[in-house]
């Protein structure tokens, strides 16, 4: 039987997923392109409720970790927009990873995964925390050995994929479950659909977000508020984490990380790749300062002057990107 938290979550996100693609026009869109994209499922792992039910069970399953102490849900907590409030993630035995836990909201829209773009598909990404000794510290063989001893996984696997549970099925099911974790019904979405109005402060923040002085929209664009590019935002003069360069080996990619989505940004603190910035106020202060001037720092970060009332307005706008249905349920 599907557990109660998963049943609630499943009903919420499957309904949301079936809404489909909508083109929206609004006189306040300005230069902002607003189009709700559809999540694409691979031809060898199509959408099915049975695969998502299996993936949901696995998402909550502690047996995926070596000491059975944590699951995917441990770091990607539903009421925290599928993130957590730790500076960096924690695995088994209190082991810490090197980066902040990203939200899974709208992860199915991303073209690649992890802050450095290490994986090209969600199916590939599933093995990342499983193999990582600081997270689950498990081999695929050990996981399957455990899951095969549980009758419901045999039943769910055969219903979804017509064969007994194996590591490829674990990857596919977890990937499909993540693909339907969507957000498109925030206050801002309702505003763009013409259903509600923003307050004057929120409207001012929206205009500031778009203007060329702050330059927010250059990286945080589109429906998901990210262009998915890799950027160095000048957080440090020297980085302990080489970011994208770990994958490409290129000097110019040192400390570049994937631009994060701003959806639910008000509740996914702390911020930056290492969780070193505690509040939205501090985030704005960093960008207004122009960064620390690292050799790979993005040329888009030039610094700006912002008044206290403008900062308040910008934060008020960012708070309209919060999706409440996961939190409230």
C-alpha atoms as a PDB file:
ATOM      1  CA  UNK A   1       0.000   0.000   0.000  1.00  0.00           C
ATOM      2  CA  UNK A   2       1.275   3.462  -0.877  1.00  0.00           C
ATOM      3  CA  UNK A   3       2.149   5.460   2.268  1.00  0.00           C
ATOM      4  CA  UNK A   4       0.030   8.436   3.301  1.00  0.00           C
ATOM      5  CA  UNK A   5       2.558  11.259   2.697  1.00  0.00           C
ATOM      6  CA  UNK A   6       3.225   9.862  -0.753  1.00  0.00           C
ATOM      7  CA  UNK A   7      -0.490   9.493  -1.494  1.00  0.00           C
ATOM      8  CA  UNK A   8      -1.096  13.158  -0.670  1.00  0.00           C
ATOM      9  CA  UNK A   9       1.904  14.256  -2.706  1.00  0.00           C
ATOM     10  CA  UNK A  10       0.942  12.045  -5.634  1.00  0.00           C
ATOM     11  CA  UNK A  11      -2.561  13.498  -5.816  1.00  0.00           C
ATOM     12  CA  UNK A  12      -1.203  17.038  -5.754  1.00  0.00           C
ATOM     13  CA  UNK A  13       1.466  16.724  -8.399  1.00  0.00           C
ATOM     14  CA  UNK A  14      -0.254  14.393 -10.847  1.00  0.00           C
ATOM     15  CA  UNK A  15      -3.162  16.824 -11.067  1.00  0.00           C
ATOM     16  CA  UNK A  16      -0.698  19.647 -11.639  1.00  0.00           C
ATOM     17  CA  UNK A  17       1.230  17.699 -14.260  1.00  0.00           C
ATOM     18  CA  UNK A  18      -1.806  17.011 -16.383  1.00  0.00           C
ATOM     19  CA  UNK A  19      -2.578  20.713 -16.873  1.00  0.00           C
ATOM     20  CA  UNK A  20      -0.306  20.838 -19.928  1.00  0.00           C
ATOM     21  CA  UNK A  21       1.324  23.702 -21.790  1.00  0.00           C
ATOM     22  CA  UNK A  22      -0.217  27.145 -21.654  1.00  0.00           C
ATOM     23  CA  UNK A  23       0.867  30.316 -23.409  1.00  0.00           C
ATOM     24  CA  UNK A  24       0.135  33.359 -21.297  1.00  0.00           C
ATOM     25  CA  UNK A  25       0.015  37.009 -22.245  1.00  0.00           C
ATOM     26  CA  UNK A  26      -0.095  39.851 -19.775  1.00  0.00           C
ATOM     27  CA  UNK A  27       0.486  43.553 -20.268  1.00  0.00           C
ATOM     28  CA  UNK A  28       3.016  43.455 -17.438  1.00  0.00           C
ATOM     29  CA  UNK A  29       5.189  40.773 -19.009  1.00  0.00           C
ATOM     30  CA  UNK A  30       7.459  43.409 -20.588  1.00  0.00           C
ATOM     31  CA  UNK A  31      10.607  41.699 -21.909  1.00  0.00           C
ATOM     32  CA  UNK A  32       9.834  38.538 -19.973  1.00  0.00           C
ATOM     33  CA  UNK A  33       8.897  35.530 -22.060  1.00  0.00           C
ATOM     34  CA  UNK A  34       6.227  33.522 -20.263  1.00  0.00           C
ATOM     35  CA  UNK A  35       5.414  30.048 -21.471  1.00  0.00           C
ATOM     36  CA  UNK A  36       4.679  27.014 -19.355  1.00  0.00           C
ATOM     37  CA  UNK A  37       6.740  24.196 -20.869  1.00  0.00           C
ATOM     38  CA  UNK A  38       5.848  20.520 -20.864  1.00  0.00           C
ATOM     39  CA  UNK A  39       8.052  18.010 -19.080  1.00  0.00           C
ATOM     40  CA  UNK A  40       9.474  15.563 -21.599  1.00  0.00           C
ATOM     41  CA  UNK A  41       9.653  11.873 -20.698  1.00  0.00           C
ATOM     42  CA  UNK A  42      12.238   9.651 -22.478  1.00  0.00           C
ATOM     43  CA  UNK A  43      10.912   7.228 -25.073  1.00  0.00           C
ATOM     44  CA  UNK A  44      12.306   4.312 -23.055  1.00  0.00           C
ATOM     45  CA  UNK A  45      10.772   5.590 -19.794  1.00  0.00           C
ATOM     46  CA  UNK A  46       7.355   7.057 -20.610  1.00  0.00           C
ATOM     47  CA  UNK A  47       4.974   8.642 -18.117  1.00  0.00           C
ATOM     48  CA  UNK A  48       2.828   6.152 -16.210  1.00  0.00           C
ATOM     49  CA  UNK A  49       1.142   6.334 -12.838  1.00  0.00           C
ATOM     50  CA  UNK A  50       2.577   2.928 -11.938  1.00  0.00           C
ATOM     51  CA  UNK A  51       6.176   4.037 -12.523  1.00  0.00           C
ATOM     52  CA  UNK A  52       5.572   7.157 -10.438  1.00  0.00           C
ATOM     53  CA  UNK A  53       4.047   5.145  -7.578  1.00  0.00           C
ATOM     54  CA  UNK A  54       7.120   2.920  -7.556  1.00  0.00           C
ATOM     55  CA  UNK A  55       9.392   5.958  -7.719  1.00  0.00           C
ATOM     56  CA  UNK A  56       7.506   7.587  -4.866  1.00  0.00           C
ATOM     57  CA  UNK A  57       7.922   4.529  -2.659  1.00  0.00           C
ATOM     58  CA  UNK A  58      11.642   4.501  -3.434  1.00  0.00           C
ATOM     59  CA  UNK A  59      11.904   8.237  -2.722  1.00  0.00           C
ATOM     60  CA  UNK A  60      10.832   7.555   0.885  1.00  0.00           C
ATOM     61  CA  UNK A  61      12.841   4.305   1.207  1.00  0.00           C
ATOM     62  CA  UNK A  62      15.632   4.294   3.820  1.00  0.00           C
ATOM     63  CA  UNK A  63      16.936   0.962   2.550  1.00  0.00           C
ATOM     64  CA  UNK A  64      18.685   2.825  -0.245  1.00  0.00           C
ATOM     65  CA  UNK A  65      21.276   4.052   2.283  1.00  0.00           C
ATOM     66  CA  UNK A  66      23.981   1.871   3.769  1.00  0.00           C
ATOM     67  CA  UNK A  67      22.839   2.145   7.393  1.00  0.00           C
ATOM     68  CA  UNK A  68      19.144   2.548   6.470  1.00  0.00           C
ATOM     69  CA  UNK A  69      19.100   5.949   8.145  1.00  0.00           C
ATOM     70  CA  UNK A  70      18.219   8.265   5.253  1.00  0.00           C
ATOM     71  CA  UNK A  71      16.244   8.387   2.022  1.00  0.00           C
ATOM     72  CA  UNK A  72      15.939  10.840  -0.856  1.00  0.00           C
ATOM     73  CA  UNK A  73      13.270  12.599   1.205  1.00  0.00           C
ATOM     74  CA  UNK A  74      15.743  13.252   4.011  1.00  0.00           C
ATOM     75  CA  UNK A  75      17.456  15.999   2.026  1.00  0.00           C
ATOM     76  CA  UNK A  76      14.614  16.855  -0.358  1.00  0.00           C
ATOM     77  CA  UNK A  77      11.893  17.579   2.173  1.00  0.00           C
ATOM     78  CA  UNK A  78       8.428  18.191   0.790  1.00  0.00           C
ATOM     79  CA  UNK A  79       7.475  21.056   3.109  1.00  0.00           C
ATOM     80  CA  UNK A  80      10.729  22.846   2.284  1.00  0.00           C
ATOM     81  CA  UNK A  81      10.133  22.807  -1.482  1.00  0.00           C
ATOM     82  CA  UNK A  82      12.088  19.562  -1.824  1.00  0.00           C
ATOM     83  CA  UNK A  83      15.245  21.075  -0.327  1.00  0.00           C
ATOM     84  CA  UNK A  84      16.449  21.498   3.263  1.00  0.00           C
ATOM     85  CA  UNK A  85      17.713  24.355   5.390  1.00  0.00           C
ATOM     86  CA  UNK A  86      21.261  23.085   5.874  1.00  0.00           C
ATOM     87  CA  UNK A  87      24.270  24.905   4.392  1.00  0.00           C
ATOM     88  CA  UNK A  88      25.371  21.636   2.777  1.00  0.00           C
ATOM     89  CA  UNK A  89      23.661  18.269   2.578  1.00  0.00           C
ATOM     90  CA  UNK A  90      24.181  15.464   5.103  1.00  0.00           C
ATOM     91  CA  UNK A  91      24.466  11.782   4.319  1.00  0.00           C
ATOM     92  CA  UNK A  92      24.825   8.713   6.487  1.00  0.00           C
ATOM     93  CA  UNK A  93      26.679   8.861   9.800  1.00  0.00           C
ATOM     94  CA  UNK A  94      26.583  12.654   9.751  1.00  0.00           C
ATOM     95  CA  UNK A  95      28.866  12.853   6.723  1.00  0.00           C
ATOM     96  CA  UNK A  96      28.553  16.159   4.899  1.00  0.00           C
ATOM     97  CA  UNK A  97      28.739  16.784   1.177  1.00  0.00           C
ATOM     98  CA  UNK A  98      30.333  19.873  -0.334  1.00  0.00           C
ATOM     99  CA  UNK A  99      27.259  21.607  -1.741  1.00  0.00           C
ATOM    100  CA  UNK A 100      23.893  22.969  -0.744  1.00  0.00           C
ATOM    101  CA  UNK A 101      20.893  20.717  -1.431  1.00  0.00           C
ATOM    102  CA  UNK A 102      19.018  21.961  -4.519  1.00  0.00           C
ATOM    103  CA  UNK A 103      15.245  21.987  -4.789  1.00  0.00           C
ATOM    104  CA  UNK A 104      13.673  19.304  -6.980  1.00  0.00           C
ATOM    105  CA  UNK A 105      10.836  21.606  -8.051  1.00  0.00           C
ATOM    106  CA  UNK A 106      10.557  21.552 -11.869  1.00  0.00           C
ATOM    107  CA  UNK A 107      13.694  19.424 -12.082  1.00  0.00           C
ATOM    108  CA  UNK A 108      12.177  17.697 -15.111  1.00  0.00           C
ATOM    109  CA  UNK A 109      12.673  20.911 -17.095  1.00  0.00           C
ATOM    110  CA  UNK A 110      16.435  20.985 -16.552  1.00  0.00           C
ATOM    111  CA  UNK A 111      18.709  19.997 -19.473  1.00  0.00           C
ATOM    112  CA  UNK A 112      21.380  18.553 -17.157  1.00  0.00           C
ATOM    113  CA  UNK A 113      21.733  17.843 -13.461  1.00  0.00           C
ATOM    114  CA  UNK A 114      23.845  18.700 -10.417  1.00  0.00           C
ATOM    115  CA  UNK A 115      25.382  22.123  -9.890  1.00  0.00           C
ATOM    116  CA  UNK A 116      28.271  21.230 -12.196  1.00  0.00           C
ATOM    117  CA  UNK A 117      26.159  19.522 -14.877  1.00  0.00           C
ATOM    118  CA  UNK A 118      27.713  16.130 -14.195  1.00  0.00           C
ATOM    119  CA  UNK A 119      24.703  14.110 -15.375  1.00  0.00           C
ATOM    120  CA  UNK A 120      22.771  14.382 -18.620  1.00  0.00           C
ATOM    121  CA  UNK A 121      19.582  12.673 -17.459  1.00  0.00           C
ATOM    122  CA  UNK A 122      17.603  12.146 -14.275  1.00  0.00           C
ATOM    123  CA  UNK A 123      18.088   8.414 -14.706  1.00  0.00           C
ATOM    124  CA  UNK A 124      21.873   8.896 -14.568  1.00  0.00           C
ATOM    125  CA  UNK A 125      21.608  11.306 -11.663  1.00  0.00           C
ATOM    126  CA  UNK A 126      19.858   8.749  -9.452  1.00  0.00           C
ATOM    127  CA  UNK A 127      23.106   6.813  -9.077  1.00  0.00           C
ATOM    128  CA  UNK A 128      24.990   9.911  -7.902  1.00  0.00           C
ATOM    129  CA  UNK A 129      23.900   9.954  -4.239  1.00  0.00           C
ATOM    130  CA  UNK A 130      23.652   6.155  -4.172  1.00  0.00           C
ATOM    131  CA  UNK A 131      27.320   5.684  -5.078  1.00  0.00           C
ATOM    132  CA  UNK A 132      28.627   8.707  -3.177  1.00  0.00           C
ATOM    133  CA  UNK A 133      30.274   7.569   0.081  1.00  0.00           C
ATOM    134  CA  UNK A 134      29.228  10.788   1.832  1.00  0.00           C
ATOM    135  CA  UNK A 135      25.570  10.252   0.982  1.00  0.00           C
ATOM    136  CA  UNK A 136      24.014   6.772   0.634  1.00  0.00           C
ATOM    137  CA  UNK A 137      27.308   4.871   0.249  1.00  0.00           C
ATOM    138  CA  UNK A 138      25.615   1.904  -1.413  1.00  0.00           C
ATOM    139  CA  UNK A 139      26.353  -0.248  -4.418  1.00  0.00           C
ATOM    140  CA  UNK A 140      23.546  -0.938  -6.896  1.00  0.00           C
ATOM    141  CA  UNK A 141      23.913  -4.648  -6.178  1.00  0.00           C
ATOM    142  CA  UNK A 142      23.405  -4.152  -2.430  1.00  0.00           C
ATOM    143  CA  UNK A 143      20.306  -2.045  -2.999  1.00  0.00           C
ATOM    144  CA  UNK A 144      18.677  -4.598  -5.278  1.00  0.00           C
ATOM    145  CA  UNK A 145      19.483  -7.385  -2.855  1.00  0.00           C
ATOM    146  CA  UNK A 146      17.556  -5.523  -0.172  1.00  0.00           C
ATOM    147  CA  UNK A 147      14.617  -4.523  -2.346  1.00  0.00           C
ATOM    148  CA  UNK A 148      14.112  -8.040  -3.713  1.00  0.00           C
ATOM    149  CA  UNK A 149      13.304  -9.206  -0.191  1.00  0.00           C
ATOM    150  CA  UNK A 150      10.268  -6.907  -0.077  1.00  0.00           C
ATOM    151  CA  UNK A 151       7.204  -8.323  -1.903  1.00  0.00           C
ATOM    152  CA  UNK A 152       5.624  -4.941  -2.672  1.00  0.00           C
ATOM    153  CA  UNK A 153       8.633  -3.877  -4.744  1.00  0.00           C
ATOM    154  CA  UNK A 154       8.304  -6.976  -6.882  1.00  0.00           C
ATOM    155  CA  UNK A 155       4.632  -6.189  -7.389  1.00  0.00           C
ATOM    156  CA  UNK A 156       5.150  -2.484  -8.125  1.00  0.00           C
ATOM    157  CA  UNK A 157       8.070  -3.183 -10.455  1.00  0.00           C
ATOM    158  CA  UNK A 158       6.193  -5.761 -12.480  1.00  0.00           C
ATOM    159  CA  UNK A 159       3.162  -3.509 -12.743  1.00  0.00           C
ATOM    160  CA  UNK A 160       5.248  -0.574 -13.945  1.00  0.00           C
ATOM    161  CA  UNK A 161       7.971  -2.228 -16.019  1.00  0.00           C
ATOM    162  CA  UNK A 162       6.888  -5.860 -16.513  1.00  0.00           C
ATOM    163  CA  UNK A 163       9.903  -7.307 -14.716  1.00  0.00           C
ATOM    164  CA  UNK A 164      11.351  -7.766 -11.256  1.00  0.00           C
ATOM    165  CA  UNK A 165      13.119  -4.858  -9.586  1.00  0.00           C
ATOM    166  CA  UNK A 166      16.631  -4.094 -10.819  1.00  0.00           C
ATOM    167  CA  UNK A 167      18.871  -1.038 -10.698  1.00  0.00           C
ATOM    168  CA  UNK A 168      17.708   0.264 -14.089  1.00  0.00           C
ATOM    169  CA  UNK A 169      14.122   0.167 -12.874  1.00  0.00           C
ATOM    170  CA  UNK A 170      15.116   1.987  -9.673  1.00  0.00           C
ATOM    171  CA  UNK A 171      16.712   4.684 -11.818  1.00  0.00           C
ATOM    172  CA  UNK A 172      13.728   4.983 -14.147  1.00  0.00           C
ATOM    173  CA  UNK A 173      11.099   5.035 -11.413  1.00  0.00           C
ATOM    174  CA  UNK A 174      12.879   7.644  -9.308  1.00  0.00           C
ATOM    175  CA  UNK A 175      13.490   9.755 -12.413  1.00  0.00           C
ATOM    176  CA  UNK A 176       9.805   9.693 -13.362  1.00  0.00           C
ATOM    177  CA  UNK A 177       8.728  10.559  -9.840  1.00  0.00           C
ATOM    178  CA  UNK A 178      10.994  13.612  -9.901  1.00  0.00           C
ATOM    179  CA  UNK A 179       9.647  14.684 -13.290  1.00  0.00           C
ATOM    180  CA  UNK A 180       6.176  15.315 -11.904  1.00  0.00           C
ATOM    181  CA  UNK A 181       7.348  17.484  -9.005  1.00  0.00           C
ATOM    182  CA  UNK A 182       6.204  20.713 -10.590  1.00  0.00           C
ATOM    183  CA  UNK A 183       5.458  24.278  -9.610  1.00  0.00           C
ATOM    184  CA  UNK A 184       3.274  26.539 -11.731  1.00  0.00           C
ATOM    185  CA  UNK A 185       0.652  27.875  -9.333  1.00  0.00           C
ATOM    186  CA  UNK A 186       2.468  30.501  -7.272  1.00  0.00           C
ATOM    187  CA  UNK A 187       1.019  33.948  -6.695  1.00  0.00           C
ATOM    188  CA  UNK A 188       3.152  35.180  -9.570  1.00  0.00           C
ATOM    189  CA  UNK A 189       1.762  32.484 -11.901  1.00  0.00           C
ATOM    190  CA  UNK A 190      -1.761  33.526 -10.978  1.00  0.00           C
ATOM    191  CA  UNK A 191      -0.814  37.133 -11.695  1.00  0.00           C
ATOM    192  CA  UNK A 192       0.576  36.207 -15.107  1.00  0.00           C
ATOM    193  CA  UNK A 193      -2.639  34.349 -15.874  1.00  0.00           C
ATOM    194  CA  UNK A 194      -4.627  37.478 -15.028  1.00  0.00           C
ATOM    195  CA  UNK A 195      -6.359  35.847 -12.057  1.00  0.00           C
ATOM    196  CA  UNK A 196      -5.063  38.170  -9.333  1.00  0.00           C
ATOM    197  CA  UNK A 197      -3.189  41.423  -8.926  1.00  0.00           C
ATOM    198  CA  UNK A 198       0.148  41.996  -7.252  1.00  0.00           C
ATOM    199  CA  UNK A 199       0.522  44.581  -4.523  1.00  0.00           C
ATOM    200  CA  UNK A 200       2.218  47.832  -5.449  1.00  0.00           C
ATOM    201  CA  UNK A 201       5.380  46.719  -3.640  1.00  0.00           C
ATOM    202  CA  UNK A 202       5.410  43.380  -5.488  1.00  0.00           C
ATOM    203  CA  UNK A 203       4.901  45.158  -8.829  1.00  0.00           C
ATOM    204  CA  UNK A 204       7.806  47.466  -8.062  1.00  0.00           C
ATOM    205  CA  UNK A 205       9.969  44.451  -7.252  1.00  0.00           C
ATOM    206  CA  UNK A 206       8.937  42.784 -10.505  1.00  0.00           C
ATOM    207  CA  UNK A 207       9.995  45.886 -12.453  1.00  0.00           C
ATOM    208  CA  UNK A 208      13.321  46.022 -10.600  1.00  0.00           C
ATOM    209  CA  UNK A 209      13.888  42.347 -11.358  1.00  0.00           C
ATOM    210  CA  UNK A 210      13.530  43.083 -15.061  1.00  0.00           C
ATOM    211  CA  UNK A 211      15.517  46.303 -15.356  1.00  0.00           C
ATOM    212  CA  UNK A 212      19.021  46.519 -16.762  1.00  0.00           C
ATOM    213  CA  UNK A 213      20.506  48.012 -13.595  1.00  0.00           C
ATOM    214  CA  UNK A 214      20.020  44.892 -11.470  1.00  0.00           C
ATOM    215  CA  UNK A 215      20.343  42.455 -14.397  1.00  0.00           C
ATOM    216  CA  UNK A 216      18.526  39.635 -12.524  1.00  0.00           C
ATOM    217  CA  UNK A 217      16.612  38.611 -15.622  1.00  0.00           C
ATOM    218  CA  UNK A 218      19.740  37.955 -17.668  1.00  0.00           C
ATOM    219  CA  UNK A 219      20.333  34.675 -15.822  1.00  0.00           C
ATOM    220  CA  UNK A 220      17.027  34.068 -14.035  1.00  0.00           C
ATOM    221  CA  UNK A 221      14.818  34.075 -17.099  1.00  0.00           C
ATOM    222  CA  UNK A 222      11.979  31.995 -18.497  1.00  0.00           C
ATOM    223  CA  UNK A 223       9.230  30.041 -16.805  1.00  0.00           C
ATOM    224  CA  UNK A 224      11.598  28.387 -14.342  1.00  0.00           C
ATOM    225  CA  UNK A 225      13.567  31.579 -13.596  1.00  0.00           C
ATOM    226  CA  UNK A 226      16.857  30.152 -14.856  1.00  0.00           C
ATOM    227  CA  UNK A 227      18.623  29.981 -18.207  1.00  0.00           C
ATOM    228  CA  UNK A 228      20.489  26.856 -16.973  1.00  0.00           C
ATOM    229  CA  UNK A 229      23.857  28.378 -17.860  1.00  0.00           C
ATOM    230  CA  UNK A 230      27.005  27.914 -15.784  1.00  0.00           C
ATOM    231  CA  UNK A 231      28.206  31.102 -14.130  1.00  0.00           C
ATOM    232  CA  UNK A 232      30.748  32.244 -11.552  1.00  0.00           C
ATOM    233  CA  UNK A 233      28.970  34.839  -9.436  1.00  0.00           C
ATOM    234  CA  UNK A 234      32.080  36.164  -7.716  1.00  0.00           C
ATOM    235  CA  UNK A 235      31.272  34.781  -4.295  1.00  0.00           C
ATOM    236  CA  UNK A 236      34.965  34.272  -3.441  1.00  0.00           C
ATOM    237  CA  UNK A 237      38.405  35.257  -4.706  1.00  0.00           C
ATOM    238  CA  UNK A 238      39.468  31.634  -4.224  1.00  0.00           C
ATOM    239  CA  UNK A 239      37.166  28.603  -4.309  1.00  0.00           C
ATOM    240  CA  UNK A 240      37.572  25.202  -2.662  1.00  0.00           C
ATOM    241  CA  UNK A 241      35.008  23.789  -5.116  1.00  0.00           C
ATOM    242  CA  UNK A 242      36.025  24.017  -8.784  1.00  0.00           C
ATOM    243  CA  UNK A 243      32.433  23.574  -9.989  1.00  0.00           C
ATOM    244  CA  UNK A 244      31.979  23.029 -13.720  1.00  0.00           C
ATOM    245  CA  UNK A 245      35.754  22.713 -14.205  1.00  0.00           C
ATOM    246  CA  UNK A 246      35.614  19.350 -12.397  1.00  0.00           C
ATOM    247  CA  UNK A 247      33.655  18.063 -15.390  1.00  0.00           C
ATOM    248  CA  UNK A 248      35.226  19.924 -18.312  1.00  0.00           C
ATOM    249  CA  UNK A 249      38.793  20.308 -17.038  1.00  0.00           C
ATOM    250  CA  UNK A 250      38.816  23.840 -18.447  1.00  0.00           C
ATOM    251  CA  UNK A 251      40.408  26.694 -16.531  1.00  0.00           C
ATOM    252  CA  UNK A 252      37.713  29.129 -17.646  1.00  0.00           C
ATOM    253  CA  UNK A 253      35.077  26.941 -15.971  1.00  0.00           C
ATOM    254  CA  UNK A 254      36.580  27.164 -12.481  1.00  0.00           C
ATOM    255  CA  UNK A 255      33.898  27.802  -9.865  1.00  0.00           C
ATOM    256  CA  UNK A 256      31.097  28.061 -12.387  1.00  0.00           C
ATOM    257  CA  UNK A 257      27.812  26.557 -11.201  1.00  0.00           C
ATOM    258  CA  UNK A 258      24.432  26.071 -12.836  1.00  0.00           C
ATOM    259  CA  UNK A 259      22.161  29.068 -12.397  1.00  0.00           C
ATOM    260  CA  UNK A 260      19.486  27.894  -9.929  1.00  0.00           C
ATOM    261  CA  UNK A 261      15.766  28.334 -10.372  1.00  0.00           C
ATOM    262  CA  UNK A 262      14.257  31.095  -8.238  1.00  0.00           C
ATOM    263  CA  UNK A 263      10.978  29.277  -7.753  1.00  0.00           C
ATOM    264  CA  UNK A 264      10.299  28.885  -4.030  1.00  0.00           C
ATOM    265  CA  UNK A 265      13.459  30.867  -3.356  1.00  0.00           C
ATOM    266  CA  UNK A 266      12.020  32.395  -0.171  1.00  0.00           C
ATOM    267  CA  UNK A 267      11.863  28.971   1.504  1.00  0.00           C
ATOM    268  CA  UNK A 268      14.973  27.254   0.111  1.00  0.00           C
ATOM    269  CA  UNK A 269      17.556  29.124   2.184  1.00  0.00           C
ATOM    270  CA  UNK A 270      20.484  29.181   2.781  1.00  0.00           C
ATOM    271  CA  UNK A 271      21.761  30.202  -0.650  1.00  0.00           C
ATOM    272  CA  UNK A 272      24.658  29.751  -3.084  1.00  0.00           C
ATOM    273  CA  UNK A 273      26.374  26.489  -4.009  1.00  0.00           C
ATOM    274  CA  UNK A 274      27.780  26.101  -0.494  1.00  0.00           C
ATOM    275  CA  UNK A 275      24.881  27.506   1.510  1.00  0.00           C
ATOM    276  CA  UNK A 276      27.073  30.313   2.824  1.00  0.00           C
ATOM    277  CA  UNK A 277      24.518  33.117   2.358  1.00  0.00           C
ATOM    278  CA  UNK A 278      21.691  33.005   4.883  1.00  0.00           C
ATOM    279  CA  UNK A 279      19.072  35.429   3.586  1.00  0.00           C
ATOM    280  CA  UNK A 280      17.685  37.084   0.465  1.00  0.00           C
ATOM    281  CA  UNK A 281      18.864  40.427   1.851  1.00  0.00           C
ATOM    282  CA  UNK A 282      22.434  39.099   1.918  1.00  0.00           C
ATOM    283  CA  UNK A 283      22.064  37.702  -1.607  1.00  0.00           C
ATOM    284  CA  UNK A 284      21.083  41.148  -2.908  1.00  0.00           C
ATOM    285  CA  UNK A 285      23.945  42.740  -0.977  1.00  0.00           C
ATOM    286  CA  UNK A 286      26.393  40.363  -2.640  1.00  0.00           C
ATOM    287  CA  UNK A 287      25.246  41.179  -6.150  1.00  0.00           C
ATOM    288  CA  UNK A 288      25.032  44.912  -5.468  1.00  0.00           C
ATOM    289  CA  UNK A 289      28.662  44.813  -4.314  1.00  0.00           C
ATOM    290  CA  UNK A 290      29.734  43.524  -7.727  1.00  0.00           C
ATOM    291  CA  UNK A 291      31.275  40.301  -6.451  1.00  0.00           C
ATOM    292  CA  UNK A 292      34.823  39.553  -5.301  1.00  0.00           C
ATOM    293  CA  UNK A 293      36.353  39.727  -8.785  1.00  0.00           C
ATOM    294  CA  UNK A 294      37.374  36.090  -9.340  1.00  0.00           C
ATOM    295  CA  UNK A 295      39.102  35.543 -12.686  1.00  0.00           C
ATOM    296  CA  UNK A 296      36.101  33.504 -13.927  1.00  0.00           C
ATOM    297  CA  UNK A 297      33.458  35.891 -12.560  1.00  0.00           C
ATOM    298  CA  UNK A 298      30.580  36.553 -14.947  1.00  0.00           C
ATOM    299  CA  UNK A 299      30.759  39.858 -16.784  1.00  0.00           C
ATOM    300  CA  UNK A 300      27.042  40.281 -16.008  1.00  0.00           C
ATOM    301  CA  UNK A 301      27.869  40.969 -12.357  1.00  0.00           C
ATOM    302  CA  UNK A 302      28.852  44.615 -12.270  1.00  0.00           C
ATOM    303  CA  UNK A 303      27.371  45.872  -9.012  1.00  0.00           C
ATOM    304  CA  UNK A 304      24.588  48.401  -8.535  1.00  0.00           C
ATOM    305  CA  UNK A 305      23.124  50.828  -6.047  1.00  0.00           C
ATOM    306  CA  UNK A 306      19.850  49.851  -4.436  1.00  0.00           C
ATOM    307  CA  UNK A 307      17.812  51.674  -1.811  1.00  0.00           C
ATOM    308  CA  UNK A 308      16.335  49.908   1.217  1.00  0.00           C
ATOM    309  CA  UNK A 309      12.778  50.333  -0.079  1.00  0.00           C
ATOM    310  CA  UNK A 310      13.815  48.880  -3.454  1.00  0.00           C
ATOM    311  CA  UNK A 311      15.410  45.904  -1.731  1.00  0.00           C
ATOM    312  CA  UNK A 312      12.196  45.323   0.198  1.00  0.00           C
ATOM    313  CA  UNK A 313      10.198  45.495  -3.019  1.00  0.00           C
ATOM    314  CA  UNK A 314      12.492  43.033  -4.794  1.00  0.00           C
ATOM    315  CA  UNK A 315      12.172  40.554  -1.931  1.00  0.00           C
ATOM    316  CA  UNK A 316       8.401  41.016  -1.908  1.00  0.00           C
ATOM    317  CA  UNK A 317       8.379  40.029  -5.584  1.00  0.00           C
ATOM    318  CA  UNK A 318      10.613  37.004  -4.987  1.00  0.00           C
ATOM    319  CA  UNK A 319       8.202  35.804  -2.306  1.00  0.00           C
ATOM    320  CA  UNK A 320       5.424  35.666  -4.915  1.00  0.00           C
ATOM    321  CA  UNK A 321       7.313  32.743  -6.501  1.00  0.00           C
ATOM    322  CA  UNK A 322       6.500  30.480  -3.542  1.00  0.00           C
ATOM    323  CA  UNK A 323       4.313  27.449  -4.289  1.00  0.00           C
ATOM    324  CA  UNK A 324       2.198  26.879  -1.193  1.00  0.00           C
ATOM    325  CA  UNK A 325       0.467  23.573  -1.847  1.00  0.00           C
ATOM    326  CA  UNK A 326       3.406  21.404  -0.781  1.00  0.00           C
ATOM    327  CA  UNK A 327       3.984  23.444   2.367  1.00  0.00           C
ATOM    328  CA  UNK A 328       0.334  23.528   3.400  1.00  0.00           C
ATOM    329  CA  UNK A 329      -0.139  19.808   2.860  1.00  0.00           C
END
